[in-house]
């Protein structure tokens, strides 16, 4: 997993700890995770591109996408903290249109 995923999981765990929220079997289905970002792990993307330039597409790891997508933060946080509610990932993008 790219470093941004580890930072995101740590931030989520700290937020839960700071909030004082206790996750129990009784309330786990009412608690979920929502994470938003514009892009996944840029470091991993750059490293993959360098690998592609040196060795071509066959040198790219099959774990590239799951290790770099923004969804991994919400999924891993969800599993680590044992939530059972909604799991959301918001990807933000800006679209410009010239008229």
PDB file of N, CA and C in Angstrom:
ATOM      1  N   UNK A   1       0.838  -1.189   0.000  1.00  0.00           N
ATOM      2  CA  UNK A   1       0.000   0.000   0.000  1.00  0.00           C
ATOM      3  C   UNK A   1       0.875   1.243   0.000  1.00  0.00           C
ATOM      4  N   UNK A   2       0.423   2.234  -0.707  1.00  0.00           N
ATOM      5  CA  UNK A   2       1.137   3.501  -0.763  1.00  0.00           C
ATOM      6  C   UNK A   2       1.087   4.200   0.598  1.00  0.00           C
ATOM      7  N   UNK A   3       2.051   5.057   0.844  1.00  0.00           N
ATOM      8  CA  UNK A   3       2.138   5.763   2.125  1.00  0.00           C
ATOM      9  C   UNK A   3       0.906   6.571   2.479  1.00  0.00           C
ATOM     10  N   UNK A   4       0.224   7.142   1.464  1.00  0.00           N
ATOM     11  CA  UNK A   4      -0.956   7.955   1.757  1.00  0.00           C
ATOM     12  C   UNK A   4      -2.057   7.128   2.411  1.00  0.00           C
ATOM     13  N   UNK A   5      -2.113   5.835   2.106  1.00  0.00           N
ATOM     14  CA  UNK A   5      -3.122   4.962   2.720  1.00  0.00           C
ATOM     15  C   UNK A   5      -2.819   4.797   4.210  1.00  0.00           C
ATOM     16  N   UNK A   6      -1.561   4.599   4.538  1.00  0.00           N
ATOM     17  CA  UNK A   6      -1.165   4.463   5.946  1.00  0.00           C
ATOM     18  C   UNK A   6      -1.467   5.745   6.730  1.00  0.00           C
ATOM     19  N   UNK A   7      -1.163   6.889   6.127  1.00  0.00           N
ATOM     20  CA  UNK A   7      -1.474   8.171   6.779  1.00  0.00           C
ATOM     21  C   UNK A   7      -2.983   8.329   6.976  1.00  0.00           C
ATOM     22  N   UNK A   8      -3.745   7.949   5.979  1.00  0.00           N
ATOM     23  CA  UNK A   8      -5.204   8.067   6.073  1.00  0.00           C
ATOM     24  C   UNK A   8      -5.792   7.180   7.157  1.00  0.00           C
ATOM     25  N   UNK A   9      -5.298   5.949   7.247  1.00  0.00           N
ATOM     26  CA  UNK A   9      -5.762   5.025   8.293  1.00  0.00           C
ATOM     27  C   UNK A   9      -5.404   5.571   9.668  1.00  0.00           C
ATOM     28  N   UNK A  10      -4.171   6.059   9.816  1.00  0.00           N
ATOM     29  CA  UNK A  10      -3.734   6.620  11.100  1.00  0.00           C
ATOM     30  C   UNK A  10      -4.591   7.824  11.480  1.00  0.00           C
ATOM     31  N   UNK A  11      -4.886   8.686  10.514  1.00  0.00           N
ATOM     32  CA  UNK A  11      -5.724   9.857  10.796  1.00  0.00           C
ATOM     33  C   UNK A  11      -7.127   9.438  11.209  1.00  0.00           C
ATOM     34  N   UNK A  12      -7.668   8.425  10.555  1.00  0.00           N
ATOM     35  CA  UNK A  12      -8.991   7.926  10.928  1.00  0.00           C
ATOM     36  C   UNK A  12      -9.019   7.342  12.329  1.00  0.00           C
ATOM     37  N   UNK A  13      -7.999   6.569  12.663  1.00  0.00           N
ATOM     38  CA  UNK A  13      -7.912   5.986  14.017  1.00  0.00           C
ATOM     39  C   UNK A  13      -7.777   7.073  15.072  1.00  0.00           C
ATOM     40  N   UNK A  14      -6.975   8.099  14.780  1.00  0.00           N
ATOM     41  CA  UNK A  14      -6.815   9.206  15.722  1.00  0.00           C
ATOM     42  C   UNK A  14      -8.123   9.982  15.879  1.00  0.00           C
ATOM     43  N   UNK A  15      -8.861  10.155  14.790  1.00  0.00           N
ATOM     44  CA  UNK A  15     -10.138  10.869  14.860  1.00  0.00           C
ATOM     45  C   UNK A  15     -11.137  10.115  15.737  1.00  0.00           C
ATOM     46  N   UNK A  16     -11.189   8.796  15.596  1.00  0.00           N
ATOM     47  CA  UNK A  16     -12.087   7.986  16.428  1.00  0.00           C
ATOM     48  C   UNK A  16     -11.663   8.081  17.888  1.00  0.00           C
ATOM     49  N   UNK A  17     -10.367   7.979  18.138  1.00  0.00           N
ATOM     50  CA  UNK A  17      -9.854   8.065  19.508  1.00  0.00           C
ATOM     51  C   UNK A  17     -10.160   9.431  20.116  1.00  0.00           C
ATOM     52  N   UNK A  18      -9.912  10.502  19.357  1.00  0.00           N
ATOM     53  CA  UNK A  18     -10.166  11.858  19.848  1.00  0.00           C
ATOM     54  C   UNK A  18     -11.644  12.111  20.120  1.00  0.00           C
ATOM     55  N   UNK A  19     -12.512  11.462  19.335  1.00  0.00           N
ATOM     56  CA  UNK A  19     -13.954  11.688  19.492  1.00  0.00           C
ATOM     57  C   UNK A  19     -14.509  11.013  20.746  1.00  0.00           C
ATOM     58  N   UNK A  20     -13.811   9.983  21.237  1.00  0.00           N
ATOM     59  CA  UNK A  20     -14.311   9.248  22.393  1.00  0.00           C
ATOM     60  C   UNK A  20     -15.370   8.226  22.024  1.00  0.00           C
ATOM     61  N   UNK A  21     -15.604   8.019  20.739  1.00  0.00           N
ATOM     62  CA  UNK A  21     -16.611   7.069  20.269  1.00  0.00           C
ATOM     63  C   UNK A  21     -16.146   5.647  20.526  1.00  0.00           C
ATOM     64  N   UNK A  22     -16.998   4.854  21.122  1.00  0.00           N
ATOM     65  CA  UNK A  22     -16.693   3.453  21.343  1.00  0.00           C
ATOM     66  C   UNK A  22     -17.534   2.623  20.394  1.00  0.00           C
ATOM     67  N   UNK A  23     -16.870   1.813  19.582  1.00  0.00           N
ATOM     68  CA  UNK A  23     -17.563   0.954  18.625  1.00  0.00           C
ATOM     69  C   UNK A  23     -17.874  -0.363  19.316  1.00  0.00           C
ATOM     70  N   UNK A  24     -19.161  -0.683  19.383  1.00  0.00           N
ATOM     71  CA  UNK A  24     -19.618  -1.934  19.985  1.00  0.00           C
ATOM     72  C   UNK A  24     -20.485  -2.677  18.974  1.00  0.00           C
ATOM     73  N   UNK A  25     -20.855  -3.907  19.298  1.00  0.00           N
ATOM     74  CA  UNK A  25     -21.754  -4.657  18.411  1.00  0.00           C
ATOM     75  C   UNK A  25     -23.099  -3.956  18.278  1.00  0.00           C
ATOM     76  N   UNK A  26     -23.493  -3.237  19.307  1.00  0.00           N
ATOM     77  CA  UNK A  26     -24.794  -2.558  19.293  1.00  0.00           C
ATOM     78  C   UNK A  26     -24.822  -1.357  18.346  1.00  0.00           C
ATOM     79  N   UNK A  27     -23.687  -0.650  18.209  1.00  0.00           N
ATOM     80  CA  UNK A  27     -23.711   0.559  17.379  1.00  0.00           C
ATOM     81  C   UNK A  27     -22.869   0.445  16.107  1.00  0.00           C
ATOM     82  N   UNK A  28     -22.187  -0.660  15.880  1.00  0.00           N
ATOM     83  CA  UNK A  28     -21.268  -0.790  14.743  1.00  0.00           C
ATOM     84  C   UNK A  28     -21.963  -0.615  13.394  1.00  0.00           C
ATOM     85  N   UNK A  29     -23.228  -1.039  13.289  1.00  0.00           N
ATOM     86  CA  UNK A  29     -23.945  -0.912  12.024  1.00  0.00           C
ATOM     87  C   UNK A  29     -24.394   0.517  11.756  1.00  0.00           C
ATOM     88  N   UNK A  30     -24.320   1.364  12.755  1.00  0.00           N
ATOM     89  CA  UNK A  30     -24.719   2.764  12.602  1.00  0.00           C
ATOM     90  C   UNK A  30     -23.530   3.689  12.357  1.00  0.00           C
ATOM     91  N   UNK A  31     -22.334   3.113  12.288  1.00  0.00           N
ATOM     92  CA  UNK A  31     -21.119   3.900  12.101  1.00  0.00           C
ATOM     93  C   UNK A  31     -20.452   3.476  10.798  1.00  0.00           C
ATOM     94  N   UNK A  32     -20.033   4.456  10.012  1.00  0.00           N
ATOM     95  CA  UNK A  32     -19.380   4.168   8.743  1.00  0.00           C
ATOM     96  C   UNK A  32     -18.185   5.066   8.520  1.00  0.00           C
ATOM     97  N   UNK A  33     -17.637   5.000   7.327  1.00  0.00           N
ATOM     98  CA  UNK A  33     -16.457   5.770   6.963  1.00  0.00           C
ATOM     99  C   UNK A  33     -16.732   6.511   5.666  1.00  0.00           C
ATOM    100  N   UNK A  34     -16.367   7.788   5.624  1.00  0.00           N
ATOM    101  CA  UNK A  34     -16.442   8.580   4.387  1.00  0.00           C
ATOM    102  C   UNK A  34     -15.119   9.320   4.231  1.00  0.00           C
ATOM    103  N   UNK A  35     -14.434   9.057   3.153  1.00  0.00           N
ATOM    104  CA  UNK A  35     -13.124   9.649   2.876  1.00  0.00           C
ATOM    105  C   UNK A  35     -13.213  10.371   1.538  1.00  0.00           C
ATOM    106  N   UNK A  36     -12.572  11.515   1.442  1.00  0.00           N
ATOM    107  CA  UNK A  36     -12.559  12.236   0.173  1.00  0.00           C
ATOM    108  C   UNK A  36     -11.167  12.687  -0.203  1.00  0.00           C
ATOM    109  N   UNK A  37     -10.866  12.621  -1.486  1.00  0.00           N
ATOM    110  CA  UNK A  37      -9.558  13.065  -1.971  1.00  0.00           C
ATOM    111  C   UNK A  37      -9.654  13.291  -3.478  1.00  0.00           C
ATOM    112  N   UNK A  38      -8.675  13.994  -4.000  1.00  0.00           N
ATOM    113  CA  UNK A  38      -8.661  14.250  -5.430  1.00  0.00           C
ATOM    114  C   UNK A  38      -7.934  13.172  -6.212  1.00  0.00           C
ATOM    115  N   UNK A  39      -7.002  12.467  -5.567  1.00  0.00           N
ATOM    116  CA  UNK A  39      -6.204  11.442  -6.250  1.00  0.00           C
ATOM    117  C   UNK A  39      -5.645  10.498  -5.199  1.00  0.00           C
ATOM    118  N   UNK A  40      -5.255   9.332  -5.635  1.00  0.00           N
ATOM    119  CA  UNK A  40      -4.652   8.366  -4.728  1.00  0.00           C
ATOM    120  C   UNK A  40      -3.194   8.676  -4.471  1.00  0.00           C
ATOM    121  N   UNK A  41      -2.381   7.660  -4.330  1.00  0.00           N
ATOM    122  CA  UNK A  41      -0.973   7.836  -3.974  1.00  0.00           C
ATOM    123  C   UNK A  41      -0.112   8.272  -5.136  1.00  0.00           C
ATOM    124  N   UNK A  42       0.223   9.532  -5.175  1.00  0.00           N
ATOM    125  CA  UNK A  42       1.022  10.061  -6.273  1.00  0.00           C
ATOM    126  C   UNK A  42       2.415   9.450  -6.307  1.00  0.00           C
ATOM    127  N   UNK A  43       2.969   9.102  -5.158  1.00  0.00           N
ATOM    128  CA  UNK A  43       4.290   8.468  -5.118  1.00  0.00           C
ATOM    129  C   UNK A  43       4.259   7.135  -5.845  1.00  0.00           C
ATOM    130  N   UNK A  44       3.260   6.322  -5.551  1.00  0.00           N
ATOM    131  CA  UNK A  44       3.120   5.026  -6.214  1.00  0.00           C
ATOM    132  C   UNK A  44       2.871   5.162  -7.702  1.00  0.00           C
ATOM    133  N   UNK A  45       2.105   6.170  -8.080  1.00  0.00           N
ATOM    134  CA  UNK A  45       1.829   6.409  -9.499  1.00  0.00           C
ATOM    135  C   UNK A  45       3.119   6.781 -10.226  1.00  0.00           C
ATOM    136  N   UNK A  46       3.910   7.657  -9.623  1.00  0.00           N
ATOM    137  CA  UNK A  46       5.181   8.053 -10.236  1.00  0.00           C
ATOM    138  C   UNK A  46       6.140   6.870 -10.352  1.00  0.00           C
ATOM    139  N   UNK A  47       6.215   6.047  -9.316  1.00  0.00           N
ATOM    140  CA  UNK A  47       7.083   4.874  -9.357  1.00  0.00           C
ATOM    141  C   UNK A  47       6.638   3.890 -10.428  1.00  0.00           C
ATOM    142  N   UNK A  48       5.350   3.705 -10.563  1.00  0.00           N
ATOM    143  CA  UNK A  48       4.817   2.798 -11.585  1.00  0.00           C
ATOM    144  C   UNK A  48       5.128   3.326 -12.981  1.00  0.00           C
ATOM    145  N   UNK A  49       5.016   4.625 -13.162  1.00  0.00           N
ATOM    146  CA  UNK A  49       5.316   5.210 -14.468  1.00  0.00           C
ATOM    147  C   UNK A  49       6.794   5.023 -14.818  1.00  0.00           C
ATOM    148  N   UNK A  50       7.674   5.188 -13.834  1.00  0.00           N
ATOM    149  CA  UNK A  50       9.100   4.976 -14.068  1.00  0.00           C
ATOM    150  C   UNK A  50       9.367   3.519 -14.459  1.00  0.00           C
ATOM    151  N   UNK A  51       8.681   2.591 -13.794  1.00  0.00           N
ATOM    152  CA  UNK A  51       8.809   1.175 -14.127  1.00  0.00           C
ATOM    153  C   UNK A  51       8.320   0.915 -15.546  1.00  0.00           C
ATOM    154  N   UNK A  52       7.221   1.529 -15.911  1.00  0.00           N
ATOM    155  CA  UNK A  52       6.659   1.392 -17.253  1.00  0.00           C
ATOM    156  C   UNK A  52       7.636   1.904 -18.313  1.00  0.00           C
ATOM    157  N   UNK A  53       8.242   3.054 -18.049  1.00  0.00           N
ATOM    158  CA  UNK A  53       9.185   3.615 -19.017  1.00  0.00           C
ATOM    159  C   UNK A  53      10.430   2.740 -19.181  1.00  0.00           C
ATOM    160  N   UNK A  54      10.890   2.134 -18.091  1.00  0.00           N
ATOM    161  CA  UNK A  54      12.095   1.305 -18.147  1.00  0.00           C
ATOM    162  C   UNK A  54      11.839  -0.065 -18.767  1.00  0.00           C
ATOM    163  N   UNK A  55      10.716  -0.689 -18.400  1.00  0.00           N
ATOM    164  CA  UNK A  55      10.511  -2.077 -18.806  1.00  0.00           C
ATOM    165  C   UNK A  55       9.244  -2.382 -19.570  1.00  0.00           C
ATOM    166  N   UNK A  56       8.400  -1.395 -19.793  1.00  0.00           N
ATOM    167  CA  UNK A  56       7.165  -1.642 -20.524  1.00  0.00           C
ATOM    168  C   UNK A  56       6.033  -2.085 -19.611  1.00  0.00           C
ATOM    169  N   UNK A  57       4.851  -2.299 -20.194  1.00  0.00           N
ATOM    170  CA  UNK A  57       3.653  -2.592 -19.389  1.00  0.00           C
ATOM    171  C   UNK A  57       3.694  -3.922 -18.638  1.00  0.00           C
ATOM    172  N   UNK A  58       4.470  -4.870 -19.124  1.00  0.00           N
ATOM    173  CA  UNK A  58       4.530  -6.171 -18.440  1.00  0.00           C
ATOM    174  C   UNK A  58       5.270  -6.107 -17.106  1.00  0.00           C
ATOM    175  N   UNK A  59       6.004  -5.037 -16.858  1.00  0.00           N
ATOM    176  CA  UNK A  59       6.752  -4.883 -15.613  1.00  0.00           C
ATOM    177  C   UNK A  59       5.914  -4.240 -14.502  1.00  0.00           C
ATOM    178  N   UNK A  60       4.708  -3.799 -14.825  1.00  0.00           N
ATOM    179  CA  UNK A  60       3.848  -3.152 -13.832  1.00  0.00           C
ATOM    180  C   UNK A  60       3.195  -4.223 -12.966  1.00  0.00           C
ATOM    181  N   UNK A  61       3.251  -4.033 -11.666  1.00  0.00           N
ATOM    182  CA  UNK A  61       2.695  -4.997 -10.718  1.00  0.00           C
ATOM    183  C   UNK A  61       1.169  -5.053 -10.814  1.00  0.00           C
ATOM    184  N   UNK A  62       0.600  -6.240 -10.700  1.00  0.00           N
ATOM    185  CA  UNK A  62      -0.862  -6.339 -10.674  1.00  0.00           C
ATOM    186  C   UNK A  62      -1.465  -5.718  -9.411  1.00  0.00           C
ATOM    187  N   UNK A  63      -0.611  -5.430  -8.441  1.00  0.00           N
ATOM    188  CA  UNK A  63      -1.077  -4.803  -7.202  1.00  0.00           C
ATOM    189  C   UNK A  63      -1.000  -3.287  -7.253  1.00  0.00           C
ATOM    190  N   UNK A  64      -0.635  -2.739  -8.407  1.00  0.00           N
ATOM    191  CA  UNK A  64      -0.516  -1.285  -8.532  1.00  0.00           C
ATOM    192  C   UNK A  64      -1.833  -0.585  -8.212  1.00  0.00           C
ATOM    193  N   UNK A  65      -2.917  -0.981  -8.847  1.00  0.00           N
ATOM    194  CA  UNK A  65      -4.195  -0.283  -8.645  1.00  0.00           C
ATOM    195  C   UNK A  65      -4.698  -0.439  -7.216  1.00  0.00           C
ATOM    196  N   UNK A  66      -4.819  -1.668  -6.684  1.00  0.00           N
ATOM    197  CA  UNK A  66      -5.320  -1.751  -5.307  1.00  0.00           C
ATOM    198  C   UNK A  66      -4.411  -1.090  -4.274  1.00  0.00           C
ATOM    199  N   UNK A  67      -3.145  -0.940  -4.576  1.00  0.00           N
ATOM    200  CA  UNK A  67      -2.215  -0.322  -3.634  1.00  0.00           C
ATOM    201  C   UNK A  67      -2.181   1.194  -3.699  1.00  0.00           C
ATOM    202  N   UNK A  68      -2.896   1.784  -4.667  1.00  0.00           N
ATOM    203  CA  UNK A  68      -2.809   3.224  -4.860  1.00  0.00           C
ATOM    204  C   UNK A  68      -4.153   3.945  -4.950  1.00  0.00           C
ATOM    205  N   UNK A  69      -5.247   3.229  -4.981  1.00  0.00           N
ATOM    206  CA  UNK A  69      -6.533   3.909  -5.127  1.00  0.00           C
ATOM    207  C   UNK A  69      -7.017   4.471  -3.792  1.00  0.00           C
ATOM    208  N   UNK A  70      -7.716   5.578  -3.871  1.00  0.00           N
ATOM    209  CA  UNK A  70      -8.202   6.268  -2.676  1.00  0.00           C
ATOM    210  C   UNK A  70      -9.171   5.402  -1.866  1.00  0.00           C
ATOM    211  N   UNK A  71      -9.850   4.474  -2.506  1.00  0.00           N
ATOM    212  CA  UNK A  71     -10.810   3.605  -1.812  1.00  0.00           C
ATOM    213  C   UNK A  71     -10.170   2.780  -0.703  1.00  0.00           C
ATOM    214  N   UNK A  72      -8.875   2.547  -0.810  1.00  0.00           N
ATOM    215  CA  UNK A  72      -8.201   1.712   0.186  1.00  0.00           C
ATOM    216  C   UNK A  72      -8.210   2.333   1.577  1.00  0.00           C
ATOM    217  N   UNK A  73      -8.225   3.656   1.675  1.00  0.00           N
ATOM    218  CA  UNK A  73      -8.249   4.284   3.001  1.00  0.00           C
ATOM    219  C   UNK A  73      -9.546   3.949   3.711  1.00  0.00           C
ATOM    220  N   UNK A  74     -10.670   4.154   3.041  1.00  0.00           N
ATOM    221  CA  UNK A  74     -11.949   3.865   3.702  1.00  0.00           C
ATOM    222  C   UNK A  74     -12.110   2.376   3.957  1.00  0.00           C
ATOM    223  N   UNK A  75     -11.682   1.534   3.024  1.00  0.00           N
ATOM    224  CA  UNK A  75     -11.817   0.090   3.205  1.00  0.00           C
ATOM    225  C   UNK A  75     -10.978  -0.438   4.348  1.00  0.00           C
ATOM    226  N   UNK A  76      -9.732  -0.024   4.407  1.00  0.00           N
ATOM    227  CA  UNK A  76      -8.846  -0.500   5.475  1.00  0.00           C
ATOM    228  C   UNK A  76      -9.244   0.069   6.837  1.00  0.00           C
ATOM    229  N   UNK A  77      -9.649   1.342   6.871  1.00  0.00           N
ATOM    230  CA  UNK A  77     -10.117   1.937   8.133  1.00  0.00           C
ATOM    231  C   UNK A  77     -11.360   1.206   8.618  1.00  0.00           C
ATOM    232  N   UNK A  78     -12.248   0.929   7.688  1.00  0.00           N
ATOM    233  CA  UNK A  78     -13.505   0.230   7.966  1.00  0.00           C
ATOM    234  C   UNK A  78     -13.223  -1.116   8.640  1.00  0.00           C
ATOM    235  N   UNK A  79     -12.288  -1.862   8.079  1.00  0.00           N
ATOM    236  CA  UNK A  79     -11.962  -3.182   8.619  1.00  0.00           C
ATOM    237  C   UNK A  79     -11.196  -3.109   9.930  1.00  0.00           C
ATOM    238  N   UNK A  80     -10.259  -2.188  10.025  1.00  0.00           N
ATOM    239  CA  UNK A  80      -9.422  -2.099  11.217  1.00  0.00           C
ATOM    240  C   UNK A  80     -10.221  -1.682  12.445  1.00  0.00           C
ATOM    241  N   UNK A  81     -11.149  -0.755  12.273  1.00  0.00           N
ATOM    242  CA  UNK A  81     -11.920  -0.254  13.412  1.00  0.00           C
ATOM    243  C   UNK A  81     -13.183  -1.089  13.632  1.00  0.00           C
ATOM    244  N   UNK A  82     -13.485  -1.982  12.715  1.00  0.00           N
ATOM    245  CA  UNK A  82     -14.629  -2.901  12.800  1.00  0.00           C
ATOM    246  C   UNK A  82     -15.977  -2.188  12.709  1.00  0.00           C
ATOM    247  N   UNK A  83     -16.050  -1.227  11.800  1.00  0.00           N
ATOM    248  CA  UNK A  83     -17.342  -0.612  11.509  1.00  0.00           C
ATOM    249  C   UNK A  83     -18.173  -1.596  10.690  1.00  0.00           C
ATOM    250  N   UNK A  84     -19.482  -1.421  10.723  1.00  0.00           N
ATOM    251  CA  UNK A  84     -20.358  -2.267   9.909  1.00  0.00           C
ATOM    252  C   UNK A  84     -21.369  -1.438   9.124  1.00  0.00           C
ATOM    253  N   UNK A  85     -21.243  -0.125   9.195  1.00  0.00           N
ATOM    254  CA  UNK A  85     -22.166   0.757   8.486  1.00  0.00           C
ATOM    255  C   UNK A  85     -21.700   1.030   7.073  1.00  0.00           C
ATOM    256  N   UNK A  86     -22.029   2.211   6.568  1.00  0.00           N
ATOM    257  CA  UNK A  86     -21.688   2.575   5.188  1.00  0.00           C
ATOM    258  C   UNK A  86     -20.194   2.816   5.023  1.00  0.00           C
ATOM    259  N   UNK A  87     -19.702   2.494   3.832  1.00  0.00           N
ATOM    260  CA  UNK A  87     -18.298   2.729   3.476  1.00  0.00           C
ATOM    261  C   UNK A  87     -18.311   3.538   2.183  1.00  0.00           C
ATOM    262  N   UNK A  88     -17.885   4.785   2.257  1.00  0.00           N
ATOM    263  CA  UNK A  88     -17.953   5.669   1.100  1.00  0.00           C
ATOM    264  C   UNK A  88     -16.583   6.222   0.763  1.00  0.00           C
ATOM    265  N   UNK A  89     -16.377   6.460  -0.509  1.00  0.00           N
ATOM    266  CA  UNK A  89     -15.160   7.119  -0.967  1.00  0.00           C
ATOM    267  C   UNK A  89     -15.561   8.160  -1.986  1.00  0.00           C
ATOM    268  N   UNK A  90     -15.223   9.391  -1.717  1.00  0.00           N
ATOM    269  CA  UNK A  90     -15.556  10.481  -2.626  1.00  0.00           C
ATOM    270  C   UNK A  90     -14.302  10.889  -3.378  1.00  0.00           C
ATOM    271  N   UNK A  91     -14.385  10.857  -4.675  1.00  0.00           N
ATOM    272  CA  UNK A  91     -13.284  11.337  -5.499  1.00  0.00           C
ATOM    273  C   UNK A  91     -13.698  12.677  -6.073  1.00  0.00           C
ATOM    274  N   UNK A  92     -12.883  13.659  -5.847  1.00  0.00           N
ATOM    275  CA  UNK A  92     -13.185  15.010  -6.317  1.00  0.00           C
ATOM    276  C   UNK A  92     -12.432  15.259  -7.592  1.00  0.00           C
ATOM    277  N   UNK A  93     -13.109  15.842  -8.545  1.00  0.00           N
ATOM    278  CA  UNK A  93     -12.434  16.236  -9.769  1.00  0.00           C
ATOM    279  C   UNK A  93     -13.010  17.556 -10.243  1.00  0.00           C
ATOM    280  N   UNK A  94     -12.194  18.288 -10.912  1.00  0.00           N
ATOM    281  CA  UNK A  94     -12.629  19.568 -11.469  1.00  0.00           C
ATOM    282  C   UNK A  94     -12.723  19.414 -12.972  1.00  0.00           C
ATOM    283  N   UNK A  95     -13.825  19.803 -13.511  1.00  0.00           N
ATOM    284  CA  UNK A  95     -14.016  19.726 -14.957  1.00  0.00           C
ATOM    285  C   UNK A  95     -14.179  21.146 -15.483  1.00  0.00           C
ATOM    286  N   UNK A  96     -13.380  21.476 -16.451  1.00  0.00           N
ATOM    287  CA  UNK A  96     -13.455  22.796 -17.064  1.00  0.00           C
ATOM    288  C   UNK A  96     -14.017  22.652 -18.458  1.00  0.00           C
ATOM    289  N   UNK A  97     -14.869  23.564 -18.808  1.00  0.00           N
ATOM    290  CA  UNK A  97     -15.472  23.506 -20.132  1.00  0.00           C
ATOM    291  C   UNK A  97     -15.349  24.896 -20.766  1.00  0.00           C
ATOM    292  N   UNK A  98     -14.829  24.891 -21.948  1.00  0.00           N
ATOM    293  CA  UNK A  98     -14.718  26.149 -22.687  1.00  0.00           C
ATOM    294  C   UNK A  98     -15.915  26.279 -23.615  1.00  0.00           C
ATOM    295  N   UNK A  99     -16.532  27.419 -23.592  1.00  0.00           N
ATOM    296  CA  UNK A  99     -17.673  27.626 -24.499  1.00  0.00           C
ATOM    297  C   UNK A  99     -17.337  28.652 -25.533  1.00  0.00           C
TER     298      UNK A  99
END
